Amino acid sequence: MSFYESKGQEFQREEAIRNASLSAMLFMLAAKEKGWDTCPMIGFNSEAIKDVLNMDQQYEVVLMITLGKEKVKSRKLRGYRNPISEFVTYI
């Protein structure tokens, strides 16, 4: 019996989520390197996603990632920021 099979269903699911999350992180970093912006998404109906993509029920939808380019022309200036000295003290 393999290591993953011997740990049970819950461990296998959690390990799949860990692996998918790390893969997503690397994808997002690679996309940024190529000039793309990304955002991970949660809170979607995973069963509906499986239906739309005709996915087998053995697979788990962990997260979705949006991919696009920022519209720089519509970027707004940041508001005032308090100086660090107002909330950080060095001892």
PDB file of N, CA and C in Angstrom:
ATOM      1  N   MET A   1       0.846  -1.182   0.000  1.00  0.00           N
ATOM      2  CA  MET A   1       0.000   0.000   0.000  1.00  0.00           C
ATOM      3  C   MET A   1       0.891   1.246   0.000  1.00  0.00           C
ATOM      4  N   SER A   2       0.543   2.223  -0.843  1.00  0.00           N
ATOM      5  CA  SER A   2       1.377   3.424  -0.946  1.00  0.00           C
ATOM      6  C   SER A   2       1.170   4.334   0.256  1.00  0.00           C
ATOM      7  N   PHE A   3       2.091   5.252   0.430  1.00  0.00           N
ATOM      8  CA  PHE A   3       2.049   6.198   1.544  1.00  0.00           C
ATOM      9  C   PHE A   3       0.727   6.966   1.570  1.00  0.00           C
ATOM     10  N   TYR A   4       0.311   7.497   0.427  1.00  0.00           N
ATOM     11  CA  TYR A   4      -0.902   8.311   0.369  1.00  0.00           C
ATOM     12  C   TYR A   4      -2.157   7.481   0.609  1.00  0.00           C
ATOM     13  N   GLU A   5      -2.217   6.288   0.065  1.00  0.00           N
ATOM     14  CA  GLU A   5      -3.389   5.438   0.256  1.00  0.00           C
ATOM     15  C   GLU A   5      -3.532   5.003   1.707  1.00  0.00           C
ATOM     16  N   SER A   6      -2.410   4.788   2.382  1.00  0.00           N
ATOM     17  CA  SER A   6      -2.467   4.317   3.769  1.00  0.00           C
ATOM     18  C   SER A   6      -2.929   5.405   4.736  1.00  0.00           C
ATOM     19  N   LYS A   7      -2.881   6.664   4.340  1.00  0.00           N
ATOM     20  CA  LYS A   7      -3.262   7.778   5.221  1.00  0.00           C
ATOM     21  C   LYS A   7      -4.757   8.095   5.193  1.00  0.00           C
ATOM     22  N   GLY A   8      -5.483   7.521   4.260  1.00  0.00           N
ATOM     23  CA  GLY A   8      -6.931   7.725   4.229  1.00  0.00           C
ATOM     24  C   GLY A   8      -7.383   8.842   3.302  1.00  0.00           C
ATOM     25  N   GLN A   9      -8.708   8.889   3.110  1.00  0.00           N
ATOM     26  CA  GLN A   9      -9.326   9.836   2.178  1.00  0.00           C
ATOM     27  C   GLN A   9      -9.085  11.297   2.555  1.00  0.00           C
ATOM     28  N   GLU A  10      -9.248  11.619   3.830  1.00  0.00           N
ATOM     29  CA  GLU A  10      -9.094  13.015   4.271  1.00  0.00           C
ATOM     30  C   GLU A  10      -7.677  13.523   4.010  1.00  0.00           C
ATOM     31  N   PHE A  11      -6.677  12.706   4.320  1.00  0.00           N
ATOM     32  CA  PHE A  11      -5.285  13.096   4.070  1.00  0.00           C
ATOM     33  C   PHE A  11      -5.051  13.280   2.571  1.00  0.00           C
ATOM     34  N   GLN A  12      -5.582  12.388   1.760  1.00  0.00           N
ATOM     35  CA  GLN A  12      -5.408  12.490   0.311  1.00  0.00           C
ATOM     36  C   GLN A  12      -6.011  13.787  -0.214  1.00  0.00           C
ATOM     37  N   ARG A  13      -7.195  14.146   0.278  1.00  0.00           N
ATOM     38  CA  ARG A  13      -7.843  15.380  -0.150  1.00  0.00           C
ATOM     39  C   ARG A  13      -7.016  16.596   0.258  1.00  0.00           C
ATOM     40  N   GLU A  14      -6.569  16.619   1.513  1.00  0.00           N
ATOM     41  CA  GLU A  14      -5.761  17.740   1.996  1.00  0.00           C
ATOM     42  C   GLU A  14      -4.444  17.853   1.235  1.00  0.00           C
ATOM     43  N   GLU A  15      -3.835  16.733   0.933  1.00  0.00           N
ATOM     44  CA  GLU A  15      -2.578  16.736   0.177  1.00  0.00           C
ATOM     45  C   GLU A  15      -2.808  17.248  -1.246  1.00  0.00           C
ATOM     46  N   ALA A  16      -3.927  16.876  -1.842  1.00  0.00           N
ATOM     47  CA  ALA A  16      -4.268  17.370  -3.182  1.00  0.00           C
ATOM     48  C   ALA A  16      -4.432  18.883  -3.160  1.00  0.00           C
ATOM     49  N   ILE A  17      -5.071  19.405  -2.115  1.00  0.00           N
ATOM     50  CA  ILE A  17      -5.257  20.850  -1.991  1.00  0.00           C
ATOM     51  C   ILE A  17      -3.912  21.543  -1.801  1.00  0.00           C
ATOM     52  N   ARG A  18      -3.039  20.984  -0.975  1.00  0.00           N
ATOM     53  CA  ARG A  18      -1.693  21.562  -0.787  1.00  0.00           C
ATOM     54  C   ARG A  18      -0.942  21.605  -2.104  1.00  0.00           C
ATOM     55  N   ASN A  19      -0.939  20.491  -2.831  1.00  0.00           N
ATOM     56  CA  ASN A  19      -0.217  20.438  -4.107  1.00  0.00           C
ATOM     57  C   ASN A  19      -0.793  21.409  -5.124  1.00  0.00           C
ATOM     58  N   ALA A  20      -2.113  21.485  -5.204  1.00  0.00           N
ATOM     59  CA  ALA A  20      -2.757  22.407  -6.146  1.00  0.00           C
ATOM     60  C   ALA A  20      -2.448  23.856  -5.781  1.00  0.00           C
ATOM     61  N   SER A  21      -2.431  24.156  -4.494  1.00  0.00           N
ATOM     62  CA  SER A  21      -2.146  25.523  -4.047  1.00  0.00           C
ATOM     63  C   SER A  21      -0.717  25.931  -4.390  1.00  0.00           C
ATOM     64  N   LEU A  22       0.229  25.030  -4.180  1.00  0.00           N
ATOM     65  CA  LEU A  22       1.618  25.327  -4.536  1.00  0.00           C
ATOM     66  C   LEU A  22       1.775  25.486  -6.044  1.00  0.00           C
ATOM     67  N   SER A  23       1.103  24.650  -6.806  1.00  0.00           N
ATOM     68  CA  SER A  23       1.150  24.766  -8.266  1.00  0.00           C
ATOM     69  C   SER A  23       0.541  26.089  -8.719  1.00  0.00           C
ATOM     70  N   ALA A  24      -0.561  26.487  -8.081  1.00  0.00           N
ATOM     71  CA  ALA A  24      -1.208  27.756  -8.414  1.00  0.00           C
ATOM     72  C   ALA A  24      -0.276  28.924  -8.117  1.00  0.00           C
ATOM     73  N   MET A  25       0.423  28.855  -6.985  1.00  0.00           N
ATOM     74  CA  MET A  25       1.361  29.913  -6.631  1.00  0.00           C
ATOM     75  C   MET A  25       2.457  30.046  -7.688  1.00  0.00           C
ATOM     76  N   LEU A  26       3.009  28.926  -8.117  1.00  0.00           N
ATOM     77  CA  LEU A  26       4.053  28.968  -9.134  1.00  0.00           C
ATOM     78  C   LEU A  26       3.523  29.488 -10.463  1.00  0.00           C
ATOM     79  N   PHE A  27       2.293  29.092 -10.815  1.00  0.00           N
ATOM     80  CA  PHE A  27       1.665  29.601 -12.028  1.00  0.00           C
ATOM     81  C   PHE A  27       1.520  31.117 -11.954  1.00  0.00           C
ATOM     82  N   MET A  28       1.062  31.627 -10.802  1.00  0.00           N
ATOM     83  CA  MET A  28       0.854  33.056 -10.641  1.00  0.00           C
ATOM     84  C   MET A  28       2.172  33.824 -10.694  1.00  0.00           C
ATOM     85  N   LEU A  29       3.226  33.271 -10.109  1.00  0.00           N
ATOM     86  CA  LEU A  29       4.543  33.912 -10.173  1.00  0.00           C
ATOM     87  C   LEU A  29       5.090  33.921 -11.599  1.00  0.00           C
ATOM     88  N   ALA A  30       4.902  32.821 -12.314  1.00  0.00           N
ATOM     89  CA  ALA A  30       5.356  32.753 -13.707  1.00  0.00           C
ATOM     90  C   ALA A  30       4.579  33.733 -14.575  1.00  0.00           C
ATOM     91  N   ALA A  31       3.272  33.845 -14.336  1.00  0.00           N
ATOM     92  CA  ALA A  31       2.453  34.786 -15.098  1.00  0.00           C
ATOM     93  C   ALA A  31       2.914  36.221 -14.845  1.00  0.00           C
ATOM     94  N   LYS A  32       3.215  36.560 -13.593  1.00  0.00           N
ATOM     95  CA  LYS A  32       3.690  37.908 -13.258  1.00  0.00           C
ATOM     96  C   LYS A  32       5.006  38.201 -13.968  1.00  0.00           C
ATOM     97  N   GLU A  33       5.875  37.218 -14.023  1.00  0.00           N
ATOM     98  CA  GLU A  33       7.160  37.358 -14.717  1.00  0.00           C
ATOM     99  C   GLU A  33       6.950  37.690 -16.198  1.00  0.00           C
ATOM    100  N   LYS A  34       5.850  37.197 -16.757  1.00  0.00           N
ATOM    101  CA  LYS A  34       5.539  37.436 -18.177  1.00  0.00           C
ATOM    102  C   LYS A  34       4.679  38.683 -18.380  1.00  0.00           C
ATOM    103  N   GLY A  35       4.400  39.419 -17.281  1.00  0.00           N
ATOM    104  CA  GLY A  35       3.651  40.664 -17.400  1.00  0.00           C
ATOM    105  C   GLY A  35       2.152  40.552 -17.194  1.00  0.00           C
ATOM    106  N   TRP A  36       1.676  39.414 -16.723  1.00  0.00           N
ATOM    107  CA  TRP A  36       0.258  39.201 -16.484  1.00  0.00           C
ATOM    108  C   TRP A  36      -0.066  39.385 -15.007  1.00  0.00           C
ATOM    109  N   ASP A  37      -1.279  39.787 -14.719  1.00  0.00           N
ATOM    110  CA  ASP A  37      -1.762  39.894 -13.347  1.00  0.00           C
ATOM    111  C   ASP A  37      -2.723  38.746 -13.078  1.00  0.00           C
ATOM    112  N   THR A  38      -2.708  38.234 -11.867  1.00  0.00           N
ATOM    113  CA  THR A  38      -3.552  37.106 -11.497  1.00  0.00           C
ATOM    114  C   THR A  38      -4.223  37.365 -10.159  1.00  0.00           C
ATOM    115  N   CYS A  39      -5.243  36.586  -9.883  1.00  0.00           N
ATOM    116  CA  CYS A  39      -5.913  36.659  -8.589  1.00  0.00           C
ATOM    117  C   CYS A  39      -6.551  35.304  -8.301  1.00  0.00           C
ATOM    118  N   PRO A  40      -6.232  34.691  -7.151  1.00  0.00           N
ATOM    119  CA  PRO A  40      -6.880  33.424  -6.803  1.00  0.00           C
ATOM    120  C   PRO A  40      -8.314  33.694  -6.348  1.00  0.00           C
ATOM    121  N   MET A  41      -9.214  32.792  -6.682  1.00  0.00           N
ATOM    122  CA  MET A  41     -10.625  32.957  -6.330  1.00  0.00           C
ATOM    123  C   MET A  41     -11.132  31.746  -5.563  1.00  0.00           C
ATOM    124  N   ILE A  42     -11.929  32.015  -4.540  1.00  0.00           N
ATOM    125  CA  ILE A  42     -12.642  30.968  -3.817  1.00  0.00           C
ATOM    126  C   ILE A  42     -14.104  31.381  -3.757  1.00  0.00           C
ATOM    127  N   GLY A  43     -14.941  30.571  -3.171  1.00  0.00           N
ATOM    128  CA  GLY A  43     -16.338  30.934  -2.985  1.00  0.00           C
ATOM    129  C   GLY A  43     -17.211  30.657  -4.195  1.00  0.00           C
ATOM    130  N   PHE A  44     -16.804  29.761  -5.044  1.00  0.00           N
ATOM    131  CA  PHE A  44     -17.587  29.402  -6.221  1.00  0.00           C
ATOM    132  C   PHE A  44     -18.227  28.040  -5.998  1.00  0.00           C
ATOM    133  N   ASN A  45     -19.162  27.684  -6.837  1.00  0.00           N
ATOM    134  CA  ASN A  45     -19.850  26.402  -6.751  1.00  0.00           C
ATOM    135  C   ASN A  45     -19.015  25.352  -7.487  1.00  0.00           C
ATOM    136  N   SER A  46     -18.261  24.564  -6.745  1.00  0.00           N
ATOM    137  CA  SER A  46     -17.340  23.606  -7.374  1.00  0.00           C
ATOM    138  C   SER A  46     -18.082  22.532  -8.169  1.00  0.00           C
ATOM    139  N   GLU A  47     -19.276  22.157  -7.729  1.00  0.00           N
ATOM    140  CA  GLU A  47     -20.049  21.150  -8.470  1.00  0.00           C
ATOM    141  C   GLU A  47     -20.483  21.705  -9.830  1.00  0.00           C
ATOM    142  N   ALA A  48     -20.864  22.978  -9.863  1.00  0.00           N
ATOM    143  CA  ALA A  48     -21.249  23.606 -11.135  1.00  0.00           C
ATOM    144  C   ALA A  48     -20.040  23.682 -12.071  1.00  0.00           C
ATOM    145  N   ILE A  49     -18.871  23.976 -11.519  1.00  0.00           N
ATOM    146  CA  ILE A  49     -17.645  24.030 -12.332  1.00  0.00           C
ATOM    147  C   ILE A  49     -17.363  22.653 -12.923  1.00  0.00           C
ATOM    148  N   LYS A  50     -17.500  21.619 -12.100  1.00  0.00           N
ATOM    149  CA  LYS A  50     -17.286  20.254 -12.585  1.00  0.00           C
ATOM    150  C   LYS A  50     -18.235  19.917 -13.729  1.00  0.00           C
ATOM    151  N   ASP A  51     -19.491  20.355 -13.598  1.00  0.00           N
ATOM    152  CA  ASP A  51     -20.475  20.105 -14.655  1.00  0.00           C
ATOM    153  C   ASP A  51     -20.101  20.836 -15.942  1.00  0.00           C
ATOM    154  N   VAL A  52     -19.753  22.112 -15.819  1.00  0.00           N
ATOM    155  CA  VAL A  52     -19.413  22.919 -16.999  1.00  0.00           C
ATOM    156  C   VAL A  52     -18.205  22.345 -17.727  1.00  0.00           C
ATOM    157  N   LEU A  53     -17.216  21.878 -16.961  1.00  0.00           N
ATOM    158  CA  LEU A  53     -15.986  21.344 -17.551  1.00  0.00           C
ATOM    159  C   LEU A  53     -16.029  19.831 -17.782  1.00  0.00           C
ATOM    160  N   ASN A  54     -17.173  19.221 -17.521  1.00  0.00           N
ATOM    161  CA  ASN A  54     -17.331  17.764 -17.654  1.00  0.00           C
ATOM    162  C   ASN A  54     -16.244  16.999 -16.900  1.00  0.00           C
ATOM    163  N   MET A  55     -15.997  17.418 -15.657  1.00  0.00           N
ATOM    164  CA  MET A  55     -14.961  16.795 -14.836  1.00  0.00           C
ATOM    165  C   MET A  55     -15.500  15.561 -14.126  1.00  0.00           C
ATOM    166  N   ASP A  56     -14.659  14.583 -13.980  1.00  0.00           N
ATOM    167  CA  ASP A  56     -14.987  13.384 -13.218  1.00  0.00           C
ATOM    168  C   ASP A  56     -15.125  13.766 -11.744  1.00  0.00           C
ATOM    169  N   GLN A  57     -16.034  13.130 -11.036  1.00  0.00           N
ATOM    170  CA  GLN A  57     -16.278  13.441  -9.627  1.00  0.00           C
ATOM    171  C   GLN A  57     -15.092  13.119  -8.717  1.00  0.00           C
ATOM    172  N   GLN A  58     -14.129  12.342  -9.194  1.00  0.00           N
ATOM    173  CA  GLN A  58     -12.969  12.030  -8.351  1.00  0.00           C
ATOM    174  C   GLN A  58     -12.047  13.237  -8.176  1.00  0.00           C
ATOM    175  N   TYR A  59     -12.220  14.260  -9.024  1.00  0.00           N
ATOM    176  CA  TYR A  59     -11.363  15.444  -8.950  1.00  0.00           C
ATOM    177  C   TYR A  59     -11.991  16.513  -8.074  1.00  0.00           C
ATOM    178  N   GLU A  60     -11.153  17.316  -7.460  1.00  0.00           N
ATOM    179  CA  GLU A  60     -11.586  18.377  -6.558  1.00  0.00           C
ATOM    180  C   GLU A  60     -11.190  19.723  -7.158  1.00  0.00           C
ATOM    181  N   VAL A  61     -12.137  20.659  -7.241  1.00  0.00           N
ATOM    182  CA  VAL A  61     -11.835  22.019  -7.691  1.00  0.00           C
ATOM    183  C   VAL A  61     -11.353  22.784  -6.470  1.00  0.00           C
ATOM    184  N   VAL A  62     -10.081  23.113  -6.438  1.00  0.00           N
ATOM    185  CA  VAL A  62      -9.478  23.743  -5.261  1.00  0.00           C
ATOM    186  C   VAL A  62      -9.620  25.255  -5.310  1.00  0.00           C
ATOM    187  N   LEU A  63      -9.285  25.847  -6.438  1.00  0.00           N
ATOM    188  CA  LEU A  63      -9.402  27.282  -6.604  1.00  0.00           C
ATOM    189  C   LEU A  63      -9.433  27.602  -8.084  1.00  0.00           C
ATOM    190  N   MET A  64      -9.796  28.832  -8.366  1.00  0.00           N
ATOM    191  CA  MET A  64      -9.758  29.311  -9.741  1.00  0.00           C
ATOM    192  C   MET A  64      -8.808  30.507  -9.751  1.00  0.00           C
ATOM    193  N   ILE A  65      -8.243  30.786 -10.908  1.00  0.00           N
ATOM    194  CA  ILE A  65      -7.309  31.904 -11.035  1.00  0.00           C
ATOM    195  C   ILE A  65      -7.743  32.773 -12.206  1.00  0.00           C
ATOM    196  N   THR A  66      -7.917  34.064 -11.930  1.00  0.00           N
ATOM    197  CA  THR A  66      -8.164  34.994 -13.019  1.00  0.00           C
ATOM    198  C   THR A  66      -6.820  35.415 -13.589  1.00  0.00           C
ATOM    199  N   LEU A  67      -6.807  35.746 -14.865  1.00  0.00           N
ATOM    200  CA  LEU A  67      -5.574  36.126 -15.549  1.00  0.00           C
ATOM    201  C   LEU A  67      -5.896  37.290 -16.476  1.00  0.00           C
ATOM    202  N   GLY A  68      -5.134  38.351 -16.376  1.00  0.00           N
ATOM    203  CA  GLY A  68      -5.379  39.504 -17.232  1.00  0.00           C
ATOM    204  C   GLY A  68      -4.286  40.535 -17.097  1.00  0.00           C
ATOM    205  N   LYS A  69      -4.511  41.654 -17.735  1.00  0.00           N
ATOM    206  CA  LYS A  69      -3.561  42.767 -17.681  1.00  0.00           C
ATOM    207  C   LYS A  69      -4.251  43.962 -17.041  1.00  0.00           C
ATOM    208  N   GLU A  70      -3.517  44.662 -16.182  1.00  0.00           N
ATOM    209  CA  GLU A  70      -4.057  45.837 -15.518  1.00  0.00           C
ATOM    210  C   GLU A  70      -4.255  46.963 -16.533  1.00  0.00           C
ATOM    211  N   LYS A  71      -5.368  47.671 -16.395  1.00  0.00           N
ATOM    212  CA  LYS A  71      -5.610  48.854 -17.217  1.00  0.00           C
ATOM    213  C   LYS A  71      -4.947  50.024 -16.493  1.00  0.00           C
ATOM    214  N   VAL A  72      -3.711  50.301 -16.855  1.00  0.00           N
ATOM    215  CA  VAL A  72      -2.890  51.274 -16.141  1.00  0.00           C
ATOM    216  C   VAL A  72      -3.509  52.670 -16.185  1.00  0.00           C
ATOM    217  N   LYS A  73      -4.187  53.017 -17.261  1.00  0.00           N
ATOM    218  CA  LYS A  73      -4.782  54.349 -17.390  1.00  0.00           C
ATOM    219  C   LYS A  73      -5.818  54.630 -16.314  1.00  0.00           C
ATOM    220  N   SER A  74      -6.482  53.602 -15.819  1.00  0.00           N
ATOM    221  CA  SER A  74      -7.527  53.818 -14.812  1.00  0.00           C
ATOM    222  C   SER A  74      -7.014  53.615 -13.381  1.00  0.00           C
ATOM    223  N   ARG A  75      -5.716  53.445 -13.222  1.00  0.00           N
ATOM    224  CA  ARG A  75      -5.132  53.275 -11.889  1.00  0.00           C
ATOM    225  C   ARG A  75      -5.306  54.566 -11.093  1.00  0.00           C
ATOM    226  N   LYS A  76      -5.732  54.436  -9.851  1.00  0.00           N
ATOM    227  CA  LYS A  76      -5.919  55.604  -8.993  1.00  0.00           C
ATOM    228  C   LYS A  76      -4.725  55.763  -8.064  1.00  0.00           C
ATOM    229  N   LEU A  77      -4.419  57.015  -7.750  1.00  0.00           N
ATOM    230  CA  LEU A  77      -3.330  57.286  -6.825  1.00  0.00           C
ATOM    231  C   LEU A  77      -3.713  56.808  -5.434  1.00  0.00           C
ATOM    232  N   ARG A  78      -2.732  56.339  -4.705  1.00  0.00           N
ATOM    233  CA  ARG A  78      -2.987  55.888  -3.342  1.00  0.00           C
ATOM    234  C   ARG A  78      -3.209  57.086  -2.435  1.00  0.00           C
ATOM    235  N   GLY A  79      -4.013  56.869  -1.439  1.00  0.00           N
ATOM    236  CA  GLY A  79      -4.292  57.919  -0.466  1.00  0.00           C
ATOM    237  C   GLY A  79      -3.122  58.134   0.477  1.00  0.00           C
ATOM    238  N   TYR A  80      -3.316  59.014   1.392  1.00  0.00           N
ATOM    239  CA  TYR A  80      -2.280  59.332   2.376  1.00  0.00           C
ATOM    240  C   TYR A  80      -1.971  58.115   3.228  1.00  0.00           C
ATOM    241  N   ARG A  81      -0.714  57.941   3.520  1.00  0.00           N
ATOM    242  CA  ARG A  81      -0.284  56.874   4.430  1.00  0.00           C
ATOM    243  C   ARG A  81       0.375  57.499   5.640  1.00  0.00           C
ATOM    244  N   ASN A  82       0.033  56.986   6.805  1.00  0.00           N
ATOM    245  CA  ASN A  82       0.679  57.454   8.027  1.00  0.00           C
ATOM    246  C   ASN A  82       2.142  57.051   8.005  1.00  0.00           C
ATOM    247  N   PRO A  83       3.011  57.919   8.538  1.00  0.00           N
ATOM    248  CA  PRO A  83       4.418  57.517   8.616  1.00  0.00           C
ATOM    249  C   PRO A  83       4.591  56.346   9.577  1.00  0.00           C
ATOM    250  N   ILE A  84       5.546  55.506   9.297  1.00  0.00           N
ATOM    251  CA  ILE A  84       5.788  54.319  10.121  1.00  0.00           C
ATOM    252  C   ILE A  84       6.022  54.697  11.582  1.00  0.00           C
ATOM    253  N   SER A  85       6.649  55.832  11.801  1.00  0.00           N
ATOM    254  CA  SER A  85       6.969  56.249  13.179  1.00  0.00           C
ATOM    255  C   SER A  85       5.715  56.428  14.042  1.00  0.00           C
ATOM    256  N   GLU A  86       4.545  56.555  13.430  1.00  0.00           N
ATOM    257  CA  GLU A  86       3.306  56.697  14.187  1.00  0.00           C
ATOM    258  C   GLU A  86       2.835  55.395  14.826  1.00  0.00           C
ATOM    259  N   PHE A  87       3.266  54.273  14.305  1.00  0.00           N
ATOM    260  CA  PHE A  87       2.785  53.006  14.862  1.00  0.00           C
ATOM    261  C   PHE A  87       3.875  51.979  15.110  1.00  0.00           C
ATOM    262  N   VAL A  88       5.138  52.315  14.837  1.00  0.00           N
ATOM    263  CA  VAL A  88       6.250  51.406  15.110  1.00  0.00           C
ATOM    264  C   VAL A  88       7.254  52.123  15.991  1.00  0.00           C
ATOM    265  N   THR A  89       7.677  51.441  17.048  1.00  0.00           N
ATOM    266  CA  THR A  89       8.731  52.004  17.899  1.00  0.00           C
ATOM    267  C   THR A  89       9.888  51.024  17.959  1.00  0.00           C
ATOM    268  N   TYR A  90      11.071  51.555  17.956  1.00  0.00           N
ATOM    269  CA  TYR A  90      12.279  50.730  18.037  1.00  0.00           C
ATOM    270  C   TYR A  90      12.838  50.832  19.433  1.00  0.00           C
ATOM    271  N   ILE A  91      13.174  49.706  19.993  1.00  0.00           N
ATOM    272  CA  ILE A  91      13.723  49.668  21.356  1.00  0.00           C
ATOM    273  C   ILE A  91      15.210  49.450  21.292  1.00  0.00           C
TER     274      ILE A  91
END
